[in-house]
Amino acid sequence: MMRDLLVRELRAPLIYTLGYVYQGGQRLYHTPIEGLEQMLRTGIAPGARVSLHAWLTLPSHEIIDATFWAAFPALACPEERQQRGLFMHPDQMPGRSYHPQWTSEEFVKRIGVVKEYEGW
């Protein structure tokens, strides 16, 4: 997993974070807390769309976001598109803010979005 490699290289714990991004007057990938709670109670229907964004957060609150540039190329800054990701402290992000709603991988496993398989 990418997170394990980054933990080794950075020598710091990384928290798997789910939530939404606010930029340009829009909430991107937003699901109200009530919707998240409902997903925890009932899971999600097969094929249902889940509107959440995922990123990694360091203890210093710096964010590693490897997918925003691909999902919203018009909203990504030029450096982010060129580097294919973002590694920055929120104070350095003019015009964009990250809003965590859930931390840990347990949420996506519990609602059925991520499944673990053993074998090979």
N, C-alpha and C. Protein backbone atom coordinates (compact mmCIF):
# COMPACT_ATOMS: atom_id res chain seq x y z
N MET A 1 0.84 -1.18 0.00
CA MET A 1 0.00 0.00 0.00
C MET A 1 0.88 1.25 0.00
N MET A 2 0.42 2.27 -0.68
CA MET A 2 1.19 3.50 -0.78
C MET A 2 1.44 4.11 0.60
N ARG A 3 0.44 4.03 1.47
CA ARG A 3 0.59 4.62 2.80
C ARG A 3 1.75 3.99 3.56
N ASP A 4 1.88 2.66 3.48
CA ASP A 4 2.97 1.98 4.19
C ASP A 4 4.34 2.45 3.71
N LEU A 5 4.48 2.63 2.40
CA LEU A 5 5.73 3.13 1.84
C LEU A 5 6.02 4.54 2.34
N LEU A 6 5.02 5.40 2.35
CA LEU A 6 5.22 6.78 2.82
C LEU A 6 5.54 6.83 4.31
N VAL A 7 4.91 5.99 5.10
CA VAL A 7 5.20 5.94 6.54
C VAL A 7 6.68 5.59 6.75
N ARG A 8 7.16 4.61 6.01
CA ARG A 8 8.59 4.24 6.13
C ARG A 8 9.50 5.38 5.70
N GLU A 9 9.20 6.00 4.57
CA GLU A 9 10.05 7.05 4.04
C GLU A 9 10.01 8.33 4.88
N LEU A 10 8.84 8.70 5.33
CA LEU A 10 8.69 9.95 6.10
C LEU A 10 8.97 9.76 7.59
N ARG A 11 8.98 8.50 8.01
CA ARG A 11 9.18 8.17 9.43
C ARG A 11 8.17 8.90 10.32
N ALA A 12 6.94 8.87 9.87
CA ALA A 12 5.85 9.51 10.61
C ALA A 12 4.56 8.75 10.33
N PRO A 13 3.68 8.67 11.30
CA PRO A 13 2.39 8.00 11.04
C PRO A 13 1.54 8.84 10.09
N LEU A 14 0.76 8.17 9.28
CA LEU A 14 -0.16 8.83 8.37
C LEU A 14 -1.57 8.33 8.66
N ILE A 15 -2.51 9.24 8.70
CA ILE A 15 -3.90 8.88 8.99
C ILE A 15 -4.69 8.91 7.69
N TYR A 16 -5.35 7.80 7.40
CA TYR A 16 -6.25 7.72 6.26
C TYR A 16 -7.47 8.57 6.61
N THR A 17 -7.73 9.60 5.80
CA THR A 17 -8.77 10.57 6.13
C THR A 17 -9.81 10.64 5.01
N LEU A 18 -11.07 10.64 5.40
CA LEU A 18 -12.18 10.78 4.45
C LEU A 18 -12.95 12.05 4.79
N GLY A 19 -13.40 12.75 3.76
CA GLY A 19 -14.17 13.95 3.98
C GLY A 19 -14.45 14.65 2.68
N TYR A 20 -14.48 15.97 2.73
CA TYR A 20 -14.74 16.73 1.52
C TYR A 20 -13.76 17.89 1.41
N VAL A 21 -13.71 18.46 0.21
CA VAL A 21 -12.84 19.59 -0.09
C VAL A 21 -13.73 20.78 -0.43
N TYR A 22 -13.37 21.94 0.07
CA TYR A 22 -14.11 23.16 -0.25
C TYR A 22 -13.20 24.04 -1.10
N GLN A 23 -13.69 24.38 -2.30
CA GLN A 23 -12.90 25.23 -3.19
C GLN A 23 -13.83 25.89 -4.18
N GLY A 24 -13.56 27.13 -4.50
CA GLY A 24 -14.35 27.84 -5.49
C GLY A 24 -15.82 27.96 -5.12
N GLY A 25 -16.10 28.06 -3.81
CA GLY A 25 -17.48 28.18 -3.36
C GLY A 25 -18.27 26.88 -3.41
N GLN A 26 -17.58 25.76 -3.63
CA GLN A 26 -18.25 24.46 -3.73
C GLN A 26 -17.71 23.46 -2.72
N ARG A 27 -18.61 22.64 -2.22
CA ARG A 27 -18.20 21.47 -1.43
C ARG A 27 -18.05 20.32 -2.43
N LEU A 28 -16.87 19.81 -2.54
CA LEU A 28 -16.58 18.73 -3.49
C LEU A 28 -16.51 17.41 -2.74
N TYR A 29 -17.19 16.40 -3.22
CA TYR A 29 -17.25 15.09 -2.58
C TYR A 29 -17.92 15.15 -1.21
N HIS A 30 -18.93 15.97 -1.06
CA HIS A 30 -19.54 16.15 0.26
C HIS A 30 -20.69 15.17 0.48
N THR A 31 -20.70 14.55 1.63
CA THR A 31 -21.82 13.77 2.13
C THR A 31 -22.10 14.28 3.55
N PRO A 32 -23.33 14.66 3.85
CA PRO A 32 -23.64 15.11 5.21
C PRO A 32 -23.35 14.01 6.24
N ILE A 33 -23.04 14.40 7.45
CA ILE A 33 -22.74 13.45 8.53
C ILE A 33 -23.87 12.45 8.70
N GLU A 34 -25.10 12.90 8.56
CA GLU A 34 -26.24 11.98 8.70
C GLU A 34 -26.15 10.86 7.66
N GLY A 35 -25.72 11.19 6.44
CA GLY A 35 -25.56 10.19 5.40
C GLY A 35 -24.47 9.19 5.73
N LEU A 36 -23.38 9.68 6.33
CA LEU A 36 -22.29 8.78 6.75
C LEU A 36 -22.76 7.84 7.85
N GLU A 37 -23.53 8.39 8.79
CA GLU A 37 -24.06 7.56 9.88
C GLU A 37 -24.99 6.48 9.33
N GLN A 38 -25.81 6.85 8.34
CA GLN A 38 -26.71 5.88 7.72
C GLN A 38 -25.91 4.77 7.03
N MET A 39 -24.84 5.14 6.34
CA MET A 39 -23.98 4.14 5.69
C MET A 39 -23.40 3.18 6.71
N LEU A 40 -23.03 3.70 7.88
CA LEU A 40 -22.48 2.83 8.92
C LEU A 40 -23.52 1.84 9.43
N ARG A 41 -24.76 2.30 9.53
CA ARG A 41 -25.83 1.41 10.02
C ARG A 41 -26.22 0.35 9.00
N THR A 42 -26.31 0.75 7.74
CA THR A 42 -26.90 -0.16 6.75
C THR A 42 -25.96 -0.58 5.63
N GLY A 43 -24.76 0.03 5.58
CA GLY A 43 -23.89 -0.23 4.43
C GLY A 43 -24.41 0.54 3.23
N ILE A 44 -23.86 0.23 2.07
CA ILE A 44 -24.35 0.90 0.86
C ILE A 44 -24.85 -0.16 -0.11
N ALA A 45 -25.77 0.25 -0.93
CA ALA A 45 -26.31 -0.67 -1.92
C ALA A 45 -25.26 -0.96 -2.99
N PRO A 46 -25.22 -2.17 -3.52
CA PRO A 46 -24.26 -2.48 -4.58
C PRO A 46 -24.42 -1.51 -5.74
N GLY A 47 -23.31 -0.96 -6.19
CA GLY A 47 -23.33 -0.02 -7.30
C GLY A 47 -23.66 1.41 -6.93
N ALA A 48 -23.95 1.66 -5.65
CA ALA A 48 -24.28 3.03 -5.21
C ALA A 48 -23.03 3.91 -5.27
N ARG A 49 -23.24 5.17 -5.53
CA ARG A 49 -22.15 6.13 -5.59
C ARG A 49 -21.91 6.72 -4.20
N VAL A 50 -20.66 6.73 -3.77
CA VAL A 50 -20.30 7.30 -2.48
C VAL A 50 -19.53 8.59 -2.76
N SER A 51 -20.00 9.68 -2.18
CA SER A 51 -19.38 10.98 -2.42
C SER A 51 -18.50 11.36 -1.24
N LEU A 52 -17.28 10.84 -1.26
CA LEU A 52 -16.27 11.14 -0.24
C LEU A 52 -14.93 11.28 -0.93
N HIS A 53 -14.08 12.10 -0.37
CA HIS A 53 -12.71 12.22 -0.88
C HIS A 53 -11.77 11.62 0.16
N ALA A 54 -10.69 11.03 -0.29
CA ALA A 54 -9.73 10.40 0.62
C ALA A 54 -8.36 11.06 0.45
N TRP A 55 -7.68 11.22 1.58
CA TRP A 55 -6.31 11.72 1.56
C TRP A 55 -5.60 11.21 2.80
N LEU A 56 -4.31 11.43 2.86
CA LEU A 56 -3.52 11.04 4.03
C LEU A 56 -3.14 12.30 4.79
N THR A 57 -3.19 12.23 6.12
CA THR A 57 -2.86 13.37 6.97
C THR A 57 -1.72 13.00 7.90
N LEU A 58 -0.71 13.87 7.96
CA LEU A 58 0.40 13.71 8.90
C LEU A 58 0.04 14.32 10.24
N PRO A 59 0.74 13.95 11.32
CA PRO A 59 0.47 14.56 12.64
C PRO A 59 0.61 16.09 12.62
N SER A 60 1.41 16.63 11.71
CA SER A 60 1.60 18.08 11.58
C SER A 60 0.46 18.73 10.80
N HIS A 61 -0.54 17.94 10.41
CA HIS A 61 -1.71 18.37 9.65
C HIS A 61 -1.43 18.58 8.16
N GLU A 62 -0.21 18.29 7.73
CA GLU A 62 0.06 18.35 6.30
C GLU A 62 -0.75 17.27 5.60
N ILE A 63 -1.12 17.56 4.37
CA ILE A 63 -2.00 16.69 3.60
C ILE A 63 -1.26 16.12 2.40
N ILE A 64 -1.44 14.83 2.20
CA ILE A 64 -0.95 14.18 0.98
C ILE A 64 -2.20 13.75 0.22
N ASP A 65 -2.40 14.38 -0.92
CA ASP A 65 -3.57 14.10 -1.74
C ASP A 65 -3.10 13.73 -3.15
N ALA A 66 -3.22 12.47 -3.48
CA ALA A 66 -2.72 11.98 -4.76
C ALA A 66 -3.78 11.93 -5.85
N THR A 67 -5.03 12.32 -5.55
CA THR A 67 -6.08 12.13 -6.54
C THR A 67 -6.88 13.37 -6.90
N PHE A 68 -6.80 14.44 -6.13
CA PHE A 68 -7.62 15.62 -6.42
C PHE A 68 -7.36 16.16 -7.82
N TRP A 69 -6.09 16.22 -8.21
CA TRP A 69 -5.73 16.77 -9.52
C TRP A 69 -6.39 16.01 -10.66
N ALA A 70 -6.58 14.69 -10.48
CA ALA A 70 -7.19 13.88 -11.54
C ALA A 70 -8.70 14.02 -11.55
N ALA A 71 -9.31 14.16 -10.38
CA ALA A 71 -10.76 14.27 -10.29
C ALA A 71 -11.25 15.67 -10.71
N PHE A 72 -10.48 16.68 -10.38
CA PHE A 72 -10.86 18.06 -10.68
C PHE A 72 -9.68 18.81 -11.32
N PRO A 73 -9.27 18.43 -12.52
CA PRO A 73 -8.08 19.05 -13.12
C PRO A 73 -8.20 20.57 -13.27
N ALA A 74 -9.39 21.08 -13.53
CA ALA A 74 -9.56 22.53 -13.70
C ALA A 74 -9.38 23.28 -12.39
N LEU A 75 -9.58 22.61 -11.25
CA LEU A 75 -9.45 23.26 -9.94
C LEU A 75 -8.07 23.06 -9.31
N ALA A 76 -7.30 22.13 -9.86
CA ALA A 76 -5.97 21.85 -9.31
C ALA A 76 -4.99 22.94 -9.73
N CYS A 77 -4.06 23.25 -8.83
CA CYS A 77 -3.05 24.24 -9.16
C CYS A 77 -2.04 23.63 -10.15
N PRO A 78 -1.33 24.45 -10.92
CA PRO A 78 -0.40 23.92 -11.93
C PRO A 78 0.64 22.95 -11.36
N GLU A 79 1.20 23.28 -10.19
CA GLU A 79 2.21 22.40 -9.58
C GLU A 79 1.61 21.04 -9.23
N GLU A 80 0.37 21.05 -8.76
CA GLU A 80 -0.31 19.82 -8.39
C GLU A 80 -0.53 18.93 -9.62
N ARG A 81 -0.93 19.53 -10.72
CA ARG A 81 -1.11 18.76 -11.96
C ARG A 81 0.23 18.23 -12.46
N GLN A 82 1.26 19.05 -12.41
CA GLN A 82 2.58 18.64 -12.89
C GLN A 82 3.16 17.53 -12.02
N GLN A 83 3.02 17.62 -10.71
CA GLN A 83 3.59 16.63 -9.79
C GLN A 83 2.66 15.45 -9.55
N ARG A 84 1.45 15.51 -10.08
CA ARG A 84 0.46 14.45 -9.95
C ARG A 84 0.09 14.18 -8.49
N GLY A 85 0.03 15.26 -7.71
CA GLY A 85 -0.36 15.11 -6.32
C GLY A 85 -0.07 16.37 -5.53
N LEU A 86 -0.45 16.34 -4.28
CA LEU A 86 -0.30 17.48 -3.40
C LEU A 86 0.29 17.00 -2.07
N PHE A 87 1.29 17.71 -1.57
CA PHE A 87 1.87 17.44 -0.27
C PHE A 87 2.12 18.80 0.35
N MET A 88 1.16 19.25 1.19
CA MET A 88 1.21 20.63 1.65
C MET A 88 0.46 20.79 2.96
N HIS A 89 0.85 21.81 3.72
CA HIS A 89 0.11 22.17 4.92
C HIS A 89 -1.10 23.01 4.51
N PRO A 90 -2.25 22.81 5.16
CA PRO A 90 -3.46 23.56 4.79
C PRO A 90 -3.29 25.08 4.81
N ASP A 91 -2.40 25.59 5.67
CA ASP A 91 -2.17 27.04 5.71
C ASP A 91 -1.57 27.57 4.42
N GLN A 92 -0.98 26.69 3.62
CA GLN A 92 -0.34 27.08 2.37
C GLN A 92 -1.26 26.91 1.16
N MET A 93 -2.52 26.58 1.39
CA MET A 93 -3.47 26.31 0.31
C MET A 93 -4.48 27.44 0.18
N PRO A 94 -4.11 28.49 -0.51
CA PRO A 94 -5.10 29.57 -0.65
C PRO A 94 -6.27 29.11 -1.52
N GLY A 95 -7.47 29.33 -1.00
CA GLY A 95 -8.64 29.01 -1.79
C GLY A 95 -9.15 27.58 -1.68
N ARG A 96 -8.46 26.72 -0.97
CA ARG A 96 -8.91 25.33 -0.81
C ARG A 96 -8.80 24.94 0.66
N SER A 97 -9.82 24.23 1.15
CA SER A 97 -9.73 23.71 2.50
C SER A 97 -10.23 22.26 2.52
N TYR A 98 -9.61 21.46 3.36
CA TYR A 98 -9.96 20.05 3.53
C TYR A 98 -10.76 19.91 4.82
N HIS A 99 -11.84 19.13 4.75
CA HIS A 99 -12.73 18.97 5.89
C HIS A 99 -12.87 17.49 6.21
N PRO A 100 -12.09 17.00 7.18
CA PRO A 100 -12.17 15.58 7.55
C PRO A 100 -13.51 15.27 8.20
N GLN A 101 -14.08 14.14 7.83
CA GLN A 101 -15.32 13.67 8.44
C GLN A 101 -15.13 12.31 9.09
N TRP A 102 -14.12 11.58 8.67
CA TRP A 102 -13.88 10.25 9.23
C TRP A 102 -12.40 9.93 9.05
N THR A 103 -11.79 9.34 10.06
CA THR A 103 -10.40 8.91 9.93
C THR A 103 -10.33 7.42 10.20
N SER A 104 -9.51 6.75 9.47
CA SER A 104 -9.20 5.32 9.53
C SER A 104 -9.81 4.61 8.33
N GLU A 105 -9.29 3.45 8.06
CA GLU A 105 -9.78 2.63 6.95
C GLU A 105 -11.04 1.86 7.34
N GLU A 106 -11.35 1.81 8.61
CA GLU A 106 -12.49 1.02 9.07
C GLU A 106 -13.81 1.44 8.44
N PHE A 107 -14.01 2.72 8.22
CA PHE A 107 -15.28 3.20 7.68
C PHE A 107 -15.55 2.57 6.31
N VAL A 108 -14.59 2.67 5.39
CA VAL A 108 -14.83 2.14 4.04
C VAL A 108 -14.97 0.63 4.04
N LYS A 109 -14.32 -0.04 4.97
CA LYS A 109 -14.49 -1.50 5.07
C LYS A 109 -15.88 -1.83 5.61
N ARG A 110 -16.32 -1.07 6.62
CA ARG A 110 -17.60 -1.34 7.27
C ARG A 110 -18.79 -1.09 6.36
N ILE A 111 -18.70 -0.06 5.51
CA ILE A 111 -19.84 0.21 4.63
C ILE A 111 -19.79 -0.63 3.36
N GLY A 112 -18.70 -1.36 3.17
CA GLY A 112 -18.63 -2.28 2.04
C GLY A 112 -18.00 -1.73 0.78
N VAL A 113 -17.32 -0.58 0.87
CA VAL A 113 -16.67 -0.01 -0.30
C VAL A 113 -15.35 -0.71 -0.58
N VAL A 114 -14.63 -1.08 0.46
CA VAL A 114 -13.35 -1.77 0.32
C VAL A 114 -13.48 -3.17 0.90
N LYS A 115 -13.03 -4.12 0.15
CA LYS A 115 -13.04 -5.51 0.62
C LYS A 115 -11.60 -6.01 0.63
N GLU A 116 -11.28 -6.81 1.62
CA GLU A 116 -9.95 -7.40 1.70
C GLU A 116 -10.02 -8.85 1.25
N TYR A 117 -9.05 -9.20 0.46
CA TYR A 117 -8.97 -10.57 -0.02
C TYR A 117 -7.63 -11.15 0.36
N GLU A 118 -7.63 -12.40 0.74
CA GLU A 118 -6.38 -13.08 1.02
C GLU A 118 -6.18 -14.13 -0.06
N GLY A 119 -4.95 -14.43 -0.28
CA GLY A 119 -4.69 -15.48 -1.24
C GLY A 119 -3.64 -15.11 -2.23
N TRP A 120 -3.69 -15.74 -3.35
CA TRP A 120 -2.73 -15.74 -4.45
C TRP A 120 -1.79 -16.82 -4.21
